[in-house]
């Protein structure tokens, strides 16, 4: 993937391509996304897109890995309070449902089993270390730190855009979200807090 453009105009085009492509990939997946739609909506052209991202896969990677970093920065883990972390993840899925859809497309089209990303690209070392330290301190129940993290994330996604039961939206009444947050907080607390 090429470096980001240095001129203000190039940076604006780069950002438009990312924004439009995020929605395109979230809606249509990797195979279904169309470069023609992306460049038309971004008021760009294929040559610019390919210069910035190399190809369609490079564009998806830029968006997908950016979304993983965004989730980490917006909802950093607090292993001493995994219930609050789950609620903050729930809130982020409401704000940015496209991010969870991107992860789902990556799962469906790229890595149907195992970790969502290859080991060198995983961003969970700090989370796993934090959970292990909380376990050592007697705050979190024993078990593989990765499994504890996976369970908390899965619980936070109960009403996400990829739920098999019900996909919540930010447009629902605030009291509905508060009820879900309370249930999620208590359920995670009961599941992971050491006895």
Protein backbone atom coordinates (compact mmCIF):
# COMPACT_ATOMS: atom_id res chain seq x y z
CA UNK A 1 0.00 0.00 0.00
CA UNK A 2 1.32 3.44 -0.90
CA UNK A 3 1.89 6.14 1.66
CA UNK A 4 -0.89 8.57 2.38
CA UNK A 5 -0.83 11.68 0.18
CA UNK A 6 1.04 14.70 1.47
CA UNK A 7 -0.96 17.51 -0.10
CA UNK A 8 -4.17 18.75 1.55
CA UNK A 9 -6.14 17.99 -1.61
CA UNK A 10 -4.67 14.48 -1.83
CA UNK A 11 -5.39 13.89 1.86
CA UNK A 12 -9.01 14.96 1.34
CA UNK A 13 -9.37 12.55 -1.59
CA UNK A 14 -7.74 9.78 0.42
CA UNK A 15 -10.20 10.39 3.29
CA UNK A 16 -13.21 10.46 0.94
CA UNK A 17 -12.16 7.16 -0.59
CA UNK A 18 -11.82 5.58 2.87
CA UNK A 19 -15.19 6.93 4.03
CA UNK A 20 -17.06 5.80 0.94
CA UNK A 21 -15.28 2.45 0.80
CA UNK A 22 -16.07 1.78 4.45
CA UNK A 23 -19.78 1.99 3.70
CA UNK A 24 -19.41 0.02 0.46
CA UNK A 25 -17.55 -2.85 2.12
CA UNK A 26 -19.84 -2.82 5.17
CA UNK A 27 -22.89 -3.12 2.94
CA UNK A 28 -21.64 -5.43 0.20
CA UNK A 29 -18.66 -7.31 1.64
CA UNK A 30 -15.30 -7.75 -0.02
CA UNK A 31 -16.50 -9.70 -3.05
CA UNK A 32 -19.59 -7.55 -3.57
CA UNK A 33 -17.94 -4.14 -3.19
CA UNK A 34 -17.36 -2.34 -6.46
CA UNK A 35 -14.43 -0.03 -7.12
CA UNK A 36 -16.51 1.84 -9.71
CA UNK A 37 -19.11 2.78 -7.08
CA UNK A 38 -16.42 3.79 -4.61
CA UNK A 39 -14.54 6.14 -6.94
CA UNK A 40 -17.76 7.65 -8.29
CA UNK A 41 -19.12 8.40 -4.81
CA UNK A 42 -15.70 9.63 -3.61
CA UNK A 43 -15.34 11.93 -6.63
CA UNK A 44 -12.07 10.24 -7.46
CA UNK A 45 -10.78 7.77 -10.03
CA UNK A 46 -9.34 4.27 -10.14
CA UNK A 47 -5.81 5.53 -10.69
CA UNK A 48 -5.88 7.50 -7.42
CA UNK A 49 -7.45 4.64 -5.51
CA UNK A 50 -4.86 2.17 -6.78
CA UNK A 51 -2.02 4.63 -6.12
CA UNK A 52 -3.13 5.02 -2.49
CA UNK A 53 -4.16 1.43 -1.70
CA UNK A 54 -2.66 -0.85 -4.35
CA UNK A 55 -5.83 -2.81 -5.05
CA UNK A 56 -9.27 -3.65 -3.66
CA UNK A 57 -7.82 -5.96 -0.99
CA UNK A 58 -5.38 -3.25 0.08
CA UNK A 59 -8.26 -0.82 0.41
CA UNK A 60 -10.25 -3.28 2.52
CA UNK A 61 -7.18 -3.94 4.69
CA UNK A 62 -6.67 -0.22 5.31
CA UNK A 63 -10.28 0.13 6.39
CA UNK A 64 -10.49 -3.12 8.36
CA UNK A 65 -7.27 -2.67 10.33
CA UNK A 66 -8.15 0.95 10.93
CA UNK A 67 -11.49 -0.18 12.39
CA UNK A 68 -9.73 -2.63 14.73
CA UNK A 69 -7.47 0.14 15.98
CA UNK A 70 -10.46 2.47 16.37
CA UNK A 71 -12.28 -0.01 18.60
CA UNK A 72 -9.15 -0.39 20.74
CA UNK A 73 -8.74 3.37 21.12
CA UNK A 74 -12.40 4.20 21.64
CA UNK A 75 -13.06 1.32 24.03
CA UNK A 76 -9.78 0.40 25.69
CA UNK A 77 -9.99 -2.60 27.97
CA UNK A 78 -10.22 -2.26 31.72
CA UNK A 79 -9.66 -5.80 32.95
CA UNK A 80 -10.63 -4.78 36.47
CA UNK A 81 -14.07 -3.85 35.09
CA UNK A 82 -14.80 -6.07 32.09
CA UNK A 83 -18.51 -5.36 32.51
CA UNK A 84 -17.95 -1.67 31.80
CA UNK A 85 -15.75 -2.59 28.82
CA UNK A 86 -18.57 -4.73 27.40
CA UNK A 87 -20.99 -1.80 27.73
CA UNK A 88 -18.56 0.57 26.01
CA UNK A 89 -18.24 -1.95 23.16
CA UNK A 90 -22.06 -2.13 22.94
CA UNK A 91 -22.17 1.65 22.65
CA UNK A 92 -19.50 1.68 19.95
CA UNK A 93 -21.46 -0.87 17.90
CA UNK A 94 -24.45 1.50 18.12
CA UNK A 95 -22.36 4.46 16.99
CA UNK A 96 -20.52 2.62 14.23
CA UNK A 97 -22.40 -0.49 13.08
CA UNK A 98 -20.28 -0.49 9.93
CA UNK A 99 -17.22 -1.49 11.96
CA UNK A 100 -18.77 -4.72 13.21
CA UNK A 101 -20.07 -5.48 9.72
CA UNK A 102 -16.52 -5.15 8.34
CA UNK A 103 -15.28 -7.69 10.87
CA UNK A 104 -18.11 -10.02 9.91
CA UNK A 105 -17.26 -9.80 6.21
CA UNK A 106 -13.61 -10.50 7.05
CA UNK A 107 -14.75 -13.57 8.99
CA UNK A 108 -17.04 -14.79 6.21
CA UNK A 109 -14.81 -14.08 3.24
CA UNK A 110 -11.27 -14.37 4.56
CA UNK A 111 -10.91 -16.33 7.79
CA UNK A 112 -13.87 -18.61 8.47
CA UNK A 113 -12.07 -20.27 11.39
CA UNK A 114 -9.40 -19.46 13.92
CA UNK A 115 -8.41 -15.93 14.82
CA UNK A 116 -10.02 -13.13 12.82
CA UNK A 117 -6.60 -11.89 11.70
CA UNK A 118 -3.25 -13.59 11.29
CA UNK A 119 -1.01 -13.65 14.36
CA UNK A 120 1.30 -10.80 13.26
CA UNK A 121 -1.75 -8.53 12.81
CA UNK A 122 -3.47 -9.34 16.09
CA UNK A 123 -3.92 -6.40 18.41
CA UNK A 124 -4.97 -8.24 21.55
CA UNK A 125 -1.65 -8.66 23.42
CA UNK A 126 -2.36 -5.77 25.80
CA UNK A 127 -5.91 -7.01 26.43
CA UNK A 128 -4.76 -10.54 27.16
CA UNK A 129 -1.99 -9.33 29.45
CA UNK A 130 -4.46 -7.09 31.32
CA UNK A 131 -6.88 -9.97 31.80
CA UNK A 132 -4.07 -12.27 33.00
CA UNK A 133 -2.96 -9.63 35.50
CA UNK A 134 -6.53 -9.20 36.74
CA UNK A 135 -6.75 -12.98 37.13
CA UNK A 136 -3.51 -13.01 39.13
CA UNK A 137 -4.92 -10.27 41.35
CA UNK A 138 -8.03 -12.38 41.98
CA UNK A 139 -10.38 -9.97 40.17
CA UNK A 140 -11.28 -12.12 37.18
CA UNK A 141 -12.14 -15.81 37.19
CA UNK A 142 -9.50 -18.23 36.02
CA UNK A 143 -9.44 -19.50 32.47
CA UNK A 144 -7.58 -18.80 29.29
CA UNK A 145 -7.40 -14.98 29.01
CA UNK A 146 -8.27 -15.22 25.32
CA UNK A 147 -11.41 -17.22 26.10
CA UNK A 148 -12.44 -14.70 28.77
CA UNK A 149 -11.94 -11.85 26.30
CA UNK A 150 -13.83 -13.69 23.55
CA UNK A 151 -16.77 -14.36 25.87
CA UNK A 152 -17.01 -10.72 26.96
CA UNK A 153 -16.84 -9.51 23.34
CA UNK A 154 -19.51 -12.03 22.31
CA UNK A 155 -21.78 -10.84 25.11
CA UNK A 156 -21.26 -7.22 24.06
CA UNK A 157 -22.38 -8.16 20.54
CA UNK A 158 -25.70 -9.67 21.66
CA UNK A 159 -27.64 -6.82 20.01
CA UNK A 160 -25.05 -5.84 17.40
CA UNK A 161 -25.70 -5.62 13.64
CA UNK A 162 -24.61 -9.26 13.31
CA UNK A 163 -26.87 -10.65 16.01
CA UNK A 164 -28.84 -13.72 14.98
CA UNK A 165 -31.62 -12.61 17.30
CA UNK A 166 -32.02 -8.81 17.21
CA UNK A 167 -29.93 -5.98 15.77
CA UNK A 168 -30.28 -2.79 17.80
CA UNK A 169 -29.91 0.71 16.38
CA UNK A 170 -29.02 4.03 17.95
CA UNK A 171 -32.53 5.25 17.02
CA UNK A 172 -34.22 3.12 19.67
CA UNK A 173 -35.46 4.82 22.86
CA UNK A 174 -32.67 5.62 25.34
CA UNK A 175 -34.41 3.67 28.10
CA UNK A 176 -34.21 0.49 25.97
CA UNK A 177 -30.45 0.94 25.66
CA UNK A 178 -30.15 1.59 29.38
CA UNK A 179 -32.00 -1.66 30.13
CA UNK A 180 -29.66 -3.57 27.81
CA UNK A 181 -26.59 -1.90 29.30
CA UNK A 182 -27.72 -2.86 32.81
CA UNK A 183 -28.39 -6.47 31.78
CA UNK A 184 -25.09 -6.69 29.91
CA UNK A 185 -23.13 -5.16 32.79
CA UNK A 186 -24.64 -7.54 35.34
CA UNK A 187 -24.33 -10.60 33.09
CA UNK A 188 -20.67 -9.95 32.32
CA UNK A 189 -19.94 -9.22 35.97
CA UNK A 190 -21.49 -12.52 37.01
CA UNK A 191 -19.67 -14.40 34.24
CA UNK A 192 -16.16 -13.09 34.79
CA UNK A 193 -15.71 -11.70 38.31
CA UNK A 194 -13.80 -14.15 40.48
CA UNK A 195 -15.80 -15.85 43.23
